Amino acid sequence: MKKKILISTGGSGGHVIPATIIYKHLEHNFDVSMTTDLRGIKFLNQNEYNLTIFNVRPISKNLLSIPFDFFLMLVLIFKSIIFLRKNKINILISTGGYMSLPLCLGAKILN
């Protein structure tokens, strides 16, 4: 049985392009999938990759919204843990971006 690898990438070309290179390198030996946000879709051909949209709101610079952002991040970490368990991901590779943070923290919690 092939190990399941998830590549988590942010929404800019500087994050997505390295993720696609890693994906192509690993796809023949592993069961590889990728997550990105709505910004990253414009750099990807959705028919070419096993892709999931994992949209994360950017952290606000408004001090009044910090409690809401914190609560939202906790919810996203919880959703990430459920996503990682449900899909039985063995390895998470992140190419950066704030949208990868909940998945990385969820993976760390799951060890």
PDB file of N, CA and C in Angstrom:
ATOM      1  N   MET A   1       0.826  -1.182   0.000  1.00  0.00           N
ATOM      2  CA  MET A   1       0.000   0.000   0.000  1.00  0.00           C
ATOM      3  C   MET A   1       0.876   1.254   0.000  1.00  0.00           C
ATOM      4  N   LYS A   2       0.580   2.157  -0.907  1.00  0.00           N
ATOM      5  CA  LYS A   2       1.366   3.377  -1.026  1.00  0.00           C
ATOM      6  C   LYS A   2       1.062   4.332   0.115  1.00  0.00           C
ATOM      7  N   LYS A   3       2.111   5.019   0.588  1.00  0.00           N
ATOM      8  CA  LYS A   3       1.905   6.046   1.605  1.00  0.00           C
ATOM      9  C   LYS A   3       1.162   7.222   0.993  1.00  0.00           C
ATOM     10  N   LYS A   4       0.323   7.854   1.815  1.00  0.00           N
ATOM     11  CA  LYS A   4      -0.433   9.018   1.370  1.00  0.00           C
ATOM     12  C   LYS A   4       0.308  10.287   1.779  1.00  0.00           C
ATOM     13  N   ILE A   5       0.574  11.117   0.802  1.00  0.00           N
ATOM     14  CA  ILE A   5       1.276  12.371   1.032  1.00  0.00           C
ATOM     15  C   ILE A   5       0.355  13.518   0.644  1.00  0.00           C
ATOM     16  N   LEU A   6       0.269  14.511   1.512  1.00  0.00           N
ATOM     17  CA  LEU A   6      -0.486  15.725   1.235  1.00  0.00           C
ATOM     18  C   LEU A   6       0.487  16.877   1.109  1.00  0.00           C
ATOM     19  N   ILE A   7       0.382  17.609   0.011  1.00  0.00           N
ATOM     20  CA  ILE A   7       1.191  18.815  -0.180  1.00  0.00           C
ATOM     21  C   ILE A   7       0.274  20.010   0.042  1.00  0.00           C
ATOM     22  N   SER A   8       0.606  20.823   1.014  1.00  0.00           N
ATOM     23  CA  SER A   8      -0.186  22.006   1.340  1.00  0.00           C
ATOM     24  C   SER A   8       0.559  23.235   0.833  1.00  0.00           C
ATOM     25  N   THR A   9      -0.138  24.057   0.066  1.00  0.00           N
ATOM     26  CA  THR A   9       0.521  25.202  -0.535  1.00  0.00           C
ATOM     27  C   THR A   9      -0.324  26.455  -0.401  1.00  0.00           C
ATOM     28  N   GLY A  10       0.340  27.568  -0.290  1.00  0.00           N
ATOM     29  CA  GLY A  10      -0.336  28.861  -0.224  1.00  0.00           C
ATOM     30  C   GLY A  10      -0.859  29.266  -1.586  1.00  0.00           C
ATOM     31  N   GLY A  11      -1.301  30.502  -1.689  1.00  0.00           N
ATOM     32  CA  GLY A  11      -1.986  30.944  -2.893  1.00  0.00           C
ATOM     33  C   GLY A  11      -1.165  31.718  -3.891  1.00  0.00           C
ATOM     34  N   SER A  12       0.102  31.947  -3.621  1.00  0.00           N
ATOM     35  CA  SER A  12       0.909  32.690  -4.588  1.00  0.00           C
ATOM     36  C   SER A  12       1.741  31.735  -5.439  1.00  0.00           C
ATOM     37  N   GLY A  13       2.187  32.216  -6.561  1.00  0.00           N
ATOM     38  CA  GLY A  13       2.991  31.391  -7.455  1.00  0.00           C
ATOM     39  C   GLY A  13       4.260  30.881  -6.803  1.00  0.00           C
ATOM     40  N   GLY A  14       4.819  31.653  -5.885  1.00  0.00           N
ATOM     41  CA  GLY A  14       6.033  31.247  -5.186  1.00  0.00           C
ATOM     42  C   GLY A  14       5.824  30.055  -4.274  1.00  0.00           C
ATOM     43  N   HIS A  15       4.585  29.794  -3.900  1.00  0.00           N
ATOM     44  CA  HIS A  15       4.270  28.617  -3.098  1.00  0.00           C
ATOM     45  C   HIS A  15       3.766  27.471  -3.969  1.00  0.00           C
ATOM     46  N   VAL A  16       2.970  27.811  -4.978  1.00  0.00           N
ATOM     47  CA  VAL A  16       2.308  26.786  -5.794  1.00  0.00           C
ATOM     48  C   VAL A  16       3.287  26.083  -6.736  1.00  0.00           C
ATOM     49  N   ILE A  17       4.156  26.820  -7.375  1.00  0.00           N
ATOM     50  CA  ILE A  17       5.079  26.224  -8.356  1.00  0.00           C
ATOM     51  C   ILE A  17       5.969  25.162  -7.710  1.00  0.00           C
ATOM     52  N   PRO A  18       6.607  25.428  -6.555  1.00  0.00           N
ATOM     53  CA  PRO A  18       7.378  24.349  -5.913  1.00  0.00           C
ATOM     54  C   PRO A  18       6.511  23.146  -5.533  1.00  0.00           C
ATOM     55  N   ALA A  19       5.255  23.402  -5.118  1.00  0.00           N
ATOM     56  CA  ALA A  19       4.355  22.300  -4.758  1.00  0.00           C
ATOM     57  C   ALA A  19       4.073  21.419  -5.966  1.00  0.00           C
ATOM     58  N   THR A  20       3.895  22.020  -7.144  1.00  0.00           N
ATOM     59  CA  THR A  20       3.625  21.221  -8.344  1.00  0.00           C
ATOM     60  C   THR A  20       4.848  20.378  -8.726  1.00  0.00           C
ATOM     61  N   ILE A  21       6.025  20.926  -8.530  1.00  0.00           N
ATOM     62  CA  ILE A  21       7.249  20.172  -8.840  1.00  0.00           C
ATOM     63  C   ILE A  21       7.385  18.973  -7.904  1.00  0.00           C
ATOM     64  N   ILE A  22       7.132  19.192  -6.613  1.00  0.00           N
ATOM     65  CA  ILE A  22       7.181  18.094  -5.639  1.00  0.00           C
ATOM     66  C   ILE A  22       6.120  17.052  -5.973  1.00  0.00           C
ATOM     67  N   TYR A  23       4.915  17.506  -6.311  1.00  0.00           N
ATOM     68  CA  TYR A  23       3.816  16.611  -6.672  1.00  0.00           C
ATOM     69  C   TYR A  23       4.225  15.702  -7.829  1.00  0.00           C
ATOM     70  N   LYS A  24       4.746  16.302  -8.907  1.00  0.00           N
ATOM     71  CA  LYS A  24       5.148  15.527 -10.091  1.00  0.00           C
ATOM     72  C   LYS A  24       6.253  14.528  -9.752  1.00  0.00           C
ATOM     73  N   HIS A  25       7.154  14.909  -8.863  1.00  0.00           N
ATOM     74  CA  HIS A  25       8.259  14.042  -8.486  1.00  0.00           C
ATOM     75  C   HIS A  25       7.771  12.828  -7.685  1.00  0.00           C
ATOM     76  N   LEU A  26       6.736  13.006  -6.863  1.00  0.00           N
ATOM     77  CA  LEU A  26       6.285  11.949  -5.959  1.00  0.00           C
ATOM     78  C   LEU A  26       5.119  11.112  -6.479  1.00  0.00           C
ATOM     79  N   GLU A  27       4.394  11.596  -7.499  1.00  0.00           N
ATOM     80  CA  GLU A  27       3.128  10.972  -7.881  1.00  0.00           C
ATOM     81  C   GLU A  27       3.240   9.528  -8.366  1.00  0.00           C
ATOM     82  N   HIS A  28       4.394   9.099  -8.831  1.00  0.00           N
ATOM     83  CA  HIS A  28       4.529   7.731  -9.339  1.00  0.00           C
ATOM     84  C   HIS A  28       4.777   6.705  -8.234  1.00  0.00           C
ATOM     85  N   ASN A  29       5.318   7.161  -7.095  1.00  0.00           N
ATOM     86  CA  ASN A  29       5.652   6.237  -6.017  1.00  0.00           C
ATOM     87  C   ASN A  29       4.730   6.332  -4.800  1.00  0.00           C
ATOM     88  N   PHE A  30       3.922   7.396  -4.736  1.00  0.00           N
ATOM     89  CA  PHE A  30       3.067   7.626  -3.582  1.00  0.00           C
ATOM     90  C   PHE A  30       1.680   8.051  -4.039  1.00  0.00           C
ATOM     91  N   ASP A  31       0.730   7.975  -3.112  1.00  0.00           N
ATOM     92  CA  ASP A  31      -0.614   8.498  -3.344  1.00  0.00           C
ATOM     93  C   ASP A  31      -0.584   9.964  -2.896  1.00  0.00           C
ATOM     94  N   VAL A  32      -0.440  10.877  -3.852  1.00  0.00           N
ATOM     95  CA  VAL A  32      -0.210  12.287  -3.548  1.00  0.00           C
ATOM     96  C   VAL A  32      -1.469  13.099  -3.808  1.00  0.00           C
ATOM     97  N   SER A  33      -1.750  14.031  -2.902  1.00  0.00           N
ATOM     98  CA  SER A  33      -2.819  15.000  -3.098  1.00  0.00           C
ATOM     99  C   SER A  33      -2.302  16.372  -2.689  1.00  0.00           C
ATOM    100  N   MET A  34      -3.066  17.405  -3.031  1.00  0.00           N
ATOM    101  CA  MET A  34      -2.618  18.764  -2.770  1.00  0.00           C
ATOM    102  C   MET A  34      -3.786  19.602  -2.260  1.00  0.00           C
ATOM    103  N   THR A  35      -3.476  20.526  -1.335  1.00  0.00           N
ATOM    104  CA  THR A  35      -4.463  21.502  -0.895  1.00  0.00           C
ATOM    105  C   THR A  35      -3.929  22.895  -1.193  1.00  0.00           C
ATOM    106  N   THR A  36      -4.847  23.791  -1.530  1.00  0.00           N
ATOM    107  CA  THR A  36      -4.513  25.191  -1.733  1.00  0.00           C
ATOM    108  C   THR A  36      -5.753  26.009  -1.415  1.00  0.00           C
ATOM    109  N   ASP A  37      -5.609  27.322  -1.448  1.00  0.00           N
ATOM    110  CA  ASP A  37      -6.774  28.177  -1.242  1.00  0.00           C
ATOM    111  C   ASP A  37      -7.275  28.680  -2.591  1.00  0.00           C
ATOM    112  N   LEU A  38      -8.269  29.539  -2.571  1.00  0.00           N
ATOM    113  CA  LEU A  38      -8.869  30.016  -3.820  1.00  0.00           C
ATOM    114  C   LEU A  38      -7.880  30.787  -4.689  1.00  0.00           C
ATOM    115  N   ARG A  39      -6.899  31.435  -4.070  1.00  0.00           N
ATOM    116  CA  ARG A  39      -5.897  32.169  -4.858  1.00  0.00           C
ATOM    117  C   ARG A  39      -4.984  31.225  -5.638  1.00  0.00           C
ATOM    118  N   GLY A  40      -4.694  30.064  -5.057  1.00  0.00           N
ATOM    119  CA  GLY A  40      -3.769  29.130  -5.689  1.00  0.00           C
ATOM    120  C   GLY A  40      -4.340  28.392  -6.884  1.00  0.00           C
ATOM    121  N   ILE A  41      -5.676  28.362  -6.999  1.00  0.00           N
ATOM    122  CA  ILE A  41      -6.328  27.651  -8.101  1.00  0.00           C
ATOM    123  C   ILE A  41      -5.914  28.210  -9.453  1.00  0.00           C
ATOM    124  N   LYS A  42      -5.674  29.514  -9.527  1.00  0.00           N
ATOM    125  CA  LYS A  42      -5.348  30.121 -10.826  1.00  0.00           C
ATOM    126  C   LYS A  42      -4.007  29.639 -11.380  1.00  0.00           C
ATOM    127  N   PHE A  43      -3.172  29.029 -10.540  1.00  0.00           N
ATOM    128  CA  PHE A  43      -1.883  28.511 -10.990  1.00  0.00           C
ATOM    129  C   PHE A  43      -1.923  27.020 -11.306  1.00  0.00           C
ATOM    130  N   LEU A  44      -3.076  26.375 -11.058  1.00  0.00           N
ATOM    131  CA  LEU A  44      -3.165  24.916 -11.167  1.00  0.00           C
ATOM    132  C   LEU A  44      -4.219  24.479 -12.164  1.00  0.00           C
ATOM    133  N   ASN A  45      -3.927  23.409 -12.879  1.00  0.00           N
ATOM    134  CA  ASN A  45      -4.908  22.739 -13.716  1.00  0.00           C
ATOM    135  C   ASN A  45      -5.594  21.702 -12.829  1.00  0.00           C
ATOM    136  N   GLN A  46      -6.850  21.913 -12.520  1.00  0.00           N
ATOM    137  CA  GLN A  46      -7.550  21.051 -11.571  1.00  0.00           C
ATOM    138  C   GLN A  46      -7.698  19.618 -12.069  1.00  0.00           C
ATOM    139  N   ASN A  47      -7.608  19.384 -13.367  1.00  0.00           N
ATOM    140  CA  ASN A  47      -7.705  18.021 -13.900  1.00  0.00           C
ATOM    141  C   ASN A  47      -6.394  17.260 -13.769  1.00  0.00           C
ATOM    142  N   GLU A  48      -5.312  17.977 -13.548  1.00  0.00           N
ATOM    143  CA  GLU A  48      -3.986  17.363 -13.515  1.00  0.00           C
ATOM    144  C   GLU A  48      -3.569  16.928 -12.107  1.00  0.00           C
ATOM    145  N   TYR A  49      -4.207  17.504 -11.077  1.00  0.00           N
ATOM    146  CA  TYR A  49      -3.807  17.246  -9.698  1.00  0.00           C
ATOM    147  C   TYR A  49      -4.989  16.756  -8.877  1.00  0.00           C
ATOM    148  N   ASN A  50      -4.699  15.910  -7.893  1.00  0.00           N
ATOM    149  CA  ASN A  50      -5.693  15.506  -6.902  1.00  0.00           C
ATOM    150  C   ASN A  50      -5.754  16.657  -5.903  1.00  0.00           C
ATOM    151  N   LEU A  51      -6.722  17.532  -6.054  1.00  0.00           N
ATOM    152  CA  LEU A  51      -6.713  18.841  -5.411  1.00  0.00           C
ATOM    153  C   LEU A  51      -7.915  19.038  -4.498  1.00  0.00           C
ATOM    154  N   THR A  52      -7.663  19.653  -3.342  1.00  0.00           N
ATOM    155  CA  THR A  52      -8.717  20.048  -2.412  1.00  0.00           C
ATOM    156  C   THR A  52      -8.539  21.518  -2.088  1.00  0.00           C
ATOM    157  N   ILE A  53      -9.653  22.257  -2.125  1.00  0.00           N
ATOM    158  CA  ILE A  53      -9.614  23.663  -1.739  1.00  0.00           C
ATOM    159  C   ILE A  53      -9.741  23.732  -0.228  1.00  0.00           C
ATOM    160  N   PHE A  54      -8.790  24.364   0.413  1.00  0.00           N
ATOM    161  CA  PHE A  54      -8.809  24.545   1.864  1.00  0.00           C
ATOM    162  C   PHE A  54      -8.644  26.033   2.097  1.00  0.00           C
ATOM    163  N   ASN A  55      -9.755  26.734   2.045  1.00  0.00           N
ATOM    164  CA  ASN A  55      -9.700  28.186   2.077  1.00  0.00           C
ATOM    165  C   ASN A  55      -9.566  28.701   3.507  1.00  0.00           C
ATOM    166  N   VAL A  56      -8.565  29.531   3.716  1.00  0.00           N
ATOM    167  CA  VAL A  56      -8.281  30.120   5.015  1.00  0.00           C
ATOM    168  C   VAL A  56      -8.273  31.633   4.858  1.00  0.00           C
ATOM    169  N   ARG A  57      -8.966  32.298   5.763  1.00  0.00           N
ATOM    170  CA  ARG A  57      -8.997  33.755   5.739  1.00  0.00           C
ATOM    171  C   ARG A  57      -7.663  34.300   6.233  1.00  0.00           C
ATOM    172  N   PRO A  58      -7.101  35.319   5.550  1.00  0.00           N
ATOM    173  CA  PRO A  58      -5.834  35.891   6.028  1.00  0.00           C
ATOM    174  C   PRO A  58      -6.007  36.526   7.408  1.00  0.00           C
ATOM    175  N   ILE A  59      -4.945  36.523   8.170  1.00  0.00           N
ATOM    176  CA  ILE A  59      -4.976  37.118   9.503  1.00  0.00           C
ATOM    177  C   ILE A  59      -5.109  38.630   9.347  1.00  0.00           C
ATOM    178  N   SER A  60      -6.070  39.184  10.030  1.00  0.00           N
ATOM    179  CA  SER A  60      -6.388  40.599   9.911  1.00  0.00           C
ATOM    180  C   SER A  60      -5.379  41.441  10.685  1.00  0.00           C
ATOM    181  N   LYS A  61      -5.161  42.662  10.231  1.00  0.00           N
ATOM    182  CA  LYS A  61      -4.294  43.597  10.944  1.00  0.00           C
ATOM    183  C   LYS A  61      -5.103  44.476  11.894  1.00  0.00           C
ATOM    184  N   ASN A  62      -6.413  44.284  11.922  1.00  0.00           N
ATOM    185  CA  ASN A  62      -7.295  45.031  12.793  1.00  0.00           C
ATOM    186  C   ASN A  62      -7.264  44.402  14.192  1.00  0.00           C
ATOM    187  N   LEU A  63      -6.896  45.174  15.193  1.00  0.00           N
ATOM    188  CA  LEU A  63      -6.779  44.645  16.556  1.00  0.00           C
ATOM    189  C   LEU A  63      -8.105  44.132  17.107  1.00  0.00           C
ATOM    190  N   LEU A  64      -9.205  44.700  16.667  1.00  0.00           N
ATOM    191  CA  LEU A  64     -10.506  44.274  17.165  1.00  0.00           C
ATOM    192  C   LEU A  64     -10.897  42.884  16.681  1.00  0.00           C
ATOM    193  N   SER A  65     -10.324  42.451  15.572  1.00  0.00           N
ATOM    194  CA  SER A  65     -10.700  41.142  15.035  1.00  0.00           C
ATOM    195  C   SER A  65      -9.752  40.018  15.476  1.00  0.00           C
ATOM    196  N   ILE A  66      -8.772  40.325  16.303  1.00  0.00           N
ATOM    197  CA  ILE A  66      -7.824  39.298  16.761  1.00  0.00           C
ATOM    198  C   ILE A  66      -8.535  38.157  17.500  1.00  0.00           C
ATOM    199  N   PRO A  67      -9.488  38.431  18.418  1.00  0.00           N
ATOM    200  CA  PRO A  67     -10.185  37.294  19.056  1.00  0.00           C
ATOM    201  C   PRO A  67     -10.939  36.427  18.052  1.00  0.00           C
ATOM    202  N   PHE A  68     -11.567  37.047  17.063  1.00  0.00           N
ATOM    203  CA  PHE A  68     -12.276  36.286  16.036  1.00  0.00           C
ATOM    204  C   PHE A  68     -11.301  35.453  15.206  1.00  0.00           C
ATOM    205  N   ASP A  69     -10.169  36.052  14.817  1.00  0.00           N
ATOM    206  CA  ASP A  69      -9.157  35.322  14.052  1.00  0.00           C
ATOM    207  C   ASP A  69      -8.607  34.136  14.844  1.00  0.00           C
ATOM    208  N   PHE A  70      -8.408  34.325  16.144  1.00  0.00           N
ATOM    209  CA  PHE A  70      -7.913  33.247  16.998  1.00  0.00           C
ATOM    210  C   PHE A  70      -8.917  32.101  17.049  1.00  0.00           C
ATOM    211  N   PHE A  71     -10.195  32.436  17.254  1.00  0.00           N
ATOM    212  CA  PHE A  71     -11.250  31.424  17.286  1.00  0.00           C
ATOM    213  C   PHE A  71     -11.341  30.701  15.939  1.00  0.00           C
ATOM    214  N   LEU A  72     -11.290  31.460  14.856  1.00  0.00           N
ATOM    215  CA  LEU A  72     -11.344  30.877  13.520  1.00  0.00           C
ATOM    216  C   LEU A  72     -10.169  29.932  13.284  1.00  0.00           C
ATOM    217  N   MET A  73      -8.986  30.294  13.755  1.00  0.00           N
ATOM    218  CA  MET A  73      -7.811  29.435  13.597  1.00  0.00           C
ATOM    219  C   MET A  73      -7.999  28.125  14.364  1.00  0.00           C
ATOM    220  N   LEU A  74      -8.573  28.200  15.569  1.00  0.00           N
ATOM    221  CA  LEU A  74      -8.841  26.969  16.332  1.00  0.00           C
ATOM    222  C   LEU A  74      -9.815  26.061  15.592  1.00  0.00           C
ATOM    223  N   VAL A  75     -10.850  26.649  15.010  1.00  0.00           N
ATOM    224  CA  VAL A  75     -11.818  25.872  14.231  1.00  0.00           C
ATOM    225  C   VAL A  75     -11.132  25.218  13.033  1.00  0.00           C
ATOM    226  N   LEU A  76     -10.271  25.971  12.346  1.00  0.00           N
ATOM    227  CA  LEU A  76      -9.577  25.439  11.169  1.00  0.00           C
ATOM    228  C   LEU A  76      -8.582  24.333  11.541  1.00  0.00           C
ATOM    229  N   ILE A  77      -7.953  24.454  12.693  1.00  0.00           N
ATOM    230  CA  ILE A  77      -7.059  23.390  13.152  1.00  0.00           C
ATOM    231  C   ILE A  77      -7.866  22.121  13.412  1.00  0.00           C
ATOM    232  N   PHE A  78      -9.022  22.272  14.046  1.00  0.00           N
ATOM    233  CA  PHE A  78      -9.901  21.126  14.297  1.00  0.00           C
ATOM    234  C   PHE A  78     -10.352  20.493  12.978  1.00  0.00           C
ATOM    235  N   LYS A  79     -10.746  21.317  12.003  1.00  0.00           N
ATOM    236  CA  LYS A  79     -11.150  20.803  10.692  1.00  0.00           C
ATOM    237  C   LYS A  79      -9.978  20.112   9.997  1.00  0.00           C
ATOM    238  N   SER A  80      -8.773  20.643  10.184  1.00  0.00           N
ATOM    239  CA  SER A  80      -7.582  20.033   9.587  1.00  0.00           C
ATOM    240  C   SER A  80      -7.320  18.652  10.157  1.00  0.00           C
ATOM    241  N   ILE A  81      -7.472  18.516  11.467  1.00  0.00           N
ATOM    242  CA  ILE A  81      -7.272  17.214  12.104  1.00  0.00           C
ATOM    243  C   ILE A  81      -8.269  16.206  11.544  1.00  0.00           C
ATOM    244  N   ILE A  82      -9.519  16.617  11.412  1.00  0.00           N
ATOM    245  CA  ILE A  82     -10.544  15.725  10.847  1.00  0.00           C
ATOM    246  C   ILE A  82     -10.185  15.361   9.408  1.00  0.00           C
ATOM    247  N   PHE A  83      -9.758  16.341   8.618  1.00  0.00           N
ATOM    248  CA  PHE A  83      -9.385  16.108   7.213  1.00  0.00           C
ATOM    249  C   PHE A  83      -8.212  15.135   7.120  1.00  0.00           C
ATOM    250  N   LEU A  84      -7.186  15.341   7.932  1.00  0.00           N
ATOM    251  CA  LEU A  84      -5.995  14.483   7.886  1.00  0.00           C
ATOM    252  C   LEU A  84      -6.330  13.048   8.311  1.00  0.00           C
ATOM    253  N   ARG A  85      -7.155  12.897   9.339  1.00  0.00           N
ATOM    254  CA  ARG A  85      -7.550  11.556   9.785  1.00  0.00           C
ATOM    255  C   ARG A  85      -8.440  10.859   8.772  1.00  0.00           C
ATOM    256  N   LYS A  86      -9.428  11.588   8.264  1.00  0.00           N
ATOM    257  CA  LYS A  86     -10.381  11.010   7.311  1.00  0.00           C
ATOM    258  C   LYS A  86      -9.670  10.509   6.055  1.00  0.00           C
ATOM    259  N   ASN A  87      -8.692  11.270   5.577  1.00  0.00           N
ATOM    260  CA  ASN A  87      -7.962  10.901   4.367  1.00  0.00           C
ATOM    261  C   ASN A  87      -6.738  10.041   4.643  1.00  0.00           C
ATOM    262  N   LYS A  88      -6.489   9.726   5.908  1.00  0.00           N
ATOM    263  CA  LYS A  88      -5.386   8.849   6.331  1.00  0.00           C
ATOM    264  C   LYS A  88      -4.048   9.298   5.749  1.00  0.00           C
ATOM    265  N   ILE A  89      -3.748  10.583   5.911  1.00  0.00           N
ATOM    266  CA  ILE A  89      -2.497  11.158   5.401  1.00  0.00           C
ATOM    267  C   ILE A  89      -1.341  10.709   6.279  1.00  0.00           C
ATOM    268  N   ASN A  90      -0.292  10.176   5.654  1.00  0.00           N
ATOM    269  CA  ASN A  90       0.899   9.741   6.383  1.00  0.00           C
ATOM    270  C   ASN A  90       1.932  10.853   6.517  1.00  0.00           C
ATOM    271  N   ILE A  91       2.061  11.667   5.466  1.00  0.00           N
ATOM    272  CA  ILE A  91       3.097  12.705   5.429  1.00  0.00           C
ATOM    273  C   ILE A  91       2.476  13.998   4.911  1.00  0.00           C
ATOM    274  N   LEU A  92       2.801  15.110   5.569  1.00  0.00           N
ATOM    275  CA  LEU A  92       2.384  16.428   5.108  1.00  0.00           C
ATOM    276  C   LEU A  92       3.623  17.209   4.696  1.00  0.00           C
ATOM    277  N   ILE A  93       3.588  17.758   3.498  1.00  0.00           N
ATOM    278  CA  ILE A  93       4.652  18.636   3.012  1.00  0.00           C
ATOM    279  C   ILE A  93       4.018  19.996   2.773  1.00  0.00           C
ATOM    280  N   SER A  94       4.589  21.029   3.357  1.00  0.00           N
ATOM    281  CA  SER A  94       4.068  22.381   3.177  1.00  0.00           C
ATOM    282  C   SER A  94       5.084  23.223   2.428  1.00  0.00           C
ATOM    283  N   THR A  95       4.591  23.958   1.436  1.00  0.00           N
ATOM    284  CA  THR A  95       5.470  24.898   0.733  1.00  0.00           C
ATOM    285  C   THR A  95       5.201  26.320   1.206  1.00  0.00           C
ATOM    286  N   GLY A  96       4.502  26.452   2.326  1.00  0.00           N
ATOM    287  CA  GLY A  96       4.325  27.748   2.954  1.00  0.00           C
ATOM    288  C   GLY A  96       3.004  28.411   2.632  1.00  0.00           C
ATOM    289  N   GLY A  97       2.860  29.584   3.177  1.00  0.00           N
ATOM    290  CA  GLY A  97       1.626  30.344   3.039  1.00  0.00           C
ATOM    291  C   GLY A  97       0.789  30.203   4.290  1.00  0.00           C
ATOM    292  N   TYR A  98       0.043  31.252   4.606  1.00  0.00           N
ATOM    293  CA  TYR A  98      -0.753  31.226   5.834  1.00  0.00           C
ATOM    294  C   TYR A  98      -1.839  30.161   5.793  1.00  0.00           C
ATOM    295  N   MET A  99      -2.276  29.755   4.606  1.00  0.00           N
ATOM    296  CA  MET A  99      -3.329  28.736   4.547  1.00  0.00           C
ATOM    297  C   MET A  99      -2.819  27.361   4.985  1.00  0.00           C
ATOM    298  N   SER A 100      -1.514  27.178   5.002  1.00  0.00           N
ATOM    299  CA  SER A 100      -0.941  25.901   5.419  1.00  0.00           C
ATOM    300  C   SER A 100      -0.835  25.770   6.933  1.00  0.00           C
ATOM    301  N   LEU A 101      -0.927  26.876   7.647  1.00  0.00           N
ATOM    302  CA  LEU A 101      -0.730  26.848   9.094  1.00  0.00           C
ATOM    303  C   LEU A 101      -1.679  25.897   9.820  1.00  0.00           C
ATOM    304  N   PRO A 102      -2.992  25.932   9.592  1.00  0.00           N
ATOM    305  CA  PRO A 102      -3.867  24.997  10.314  1.00  0.00           C
ATOM    306  C   PRO A 102      -3.548  23.529  10.008  1.00  0.00           C
ATOM    307  N   LEU A 103      -3.216  23.222   8.757  1.00  0.00           N
ATOM    308  CA  LEU A 103      -2.871  21.840   8.404  1.00  0.00           C
ATOM    309  C   LEU A 103      -1.576  21.410   9.084  1.00  0.00           C
ATOM    310  N   CYS A 104      -0.587  22.297   9.117  1.00  0.00           N
ATOM    311  CA  CYS A 104       0.685  21.961   9.761  1.00  0.00           C
ATOM    312  C   CYS A 104       0.499  21.751  11.262  1.00  0.00           C
ATOM    313  N   LEU A 105      -0.289  22.607  11.891  1.00  0.00           N
ATOM    314  CA  LEU A 105      -0.548  22.443  13.328  1.00  0.00           C
ATOM    315  C   LEU A 105      -1.361  21.190  13.598  1.00  0.00           C
ATOM    316  N   GLY A 106      -2.332  20.902  12.744  1.00  0.00           N
ATOM    317  CA  GLY A 106      -3.109  19.679  12.874  1.00  0.00           C
ATOM    318  C   GLY A 106      -2.242  18.440  12.724  1.00  0.00           C
ATOM    319  N   ALA A 107      -1.329  18.477  11.754  1.00  0.00           N
ATOM    320  CA  ALA A 107      -0.415  17.341  11.545  1.00  0.00           C
ATOM    321  C   ALA A 107       0.515  17.175  12.747  1.00  0.00           C
ATOM    322  N   LYS A 108       0.958  18.280  13.311  1.00  0.00           N
ATOM    323  CA  LYS A 108       1.824  18.210  14.490  1.00  0.00           C
ATOM    324  C   LYS A 108       1.085  17.590  15.669  1.00  0.00           C
ATOM    325  N   ILE A 109      -0.186  17.982  15.849  1.00  0.00           N
ATOM    326  CA  ILE A 109      -0.989  17.410  16.926  1.00  0.00           C
ATOM    327  C   ILE A 109      -1.165  15.904  16.732  1.00  0.00           C
ATOM    328  N   LEU A 110      -1.344  15.482  15.489  1.00  0.00           N
ATOM    329  CA  LEU A 110      -1.512  14.052  15.192  1.00  0.00           C
ATOM    330  C   LEU A 110      -0.184  13.306  15.163  1.00  0.00           C
ATOM    331  N   ASN A 111       0.904  14.051  15.236  1.00  0.00           N
ATOM    332  CA  ASN A 111       2.254  13.498  15.217  1.00  0.00           C
ATOM    333  C   ASN A 111       2.628  12.987  13.845  1.00  0.00           C
TER     334      ASN A 111
END
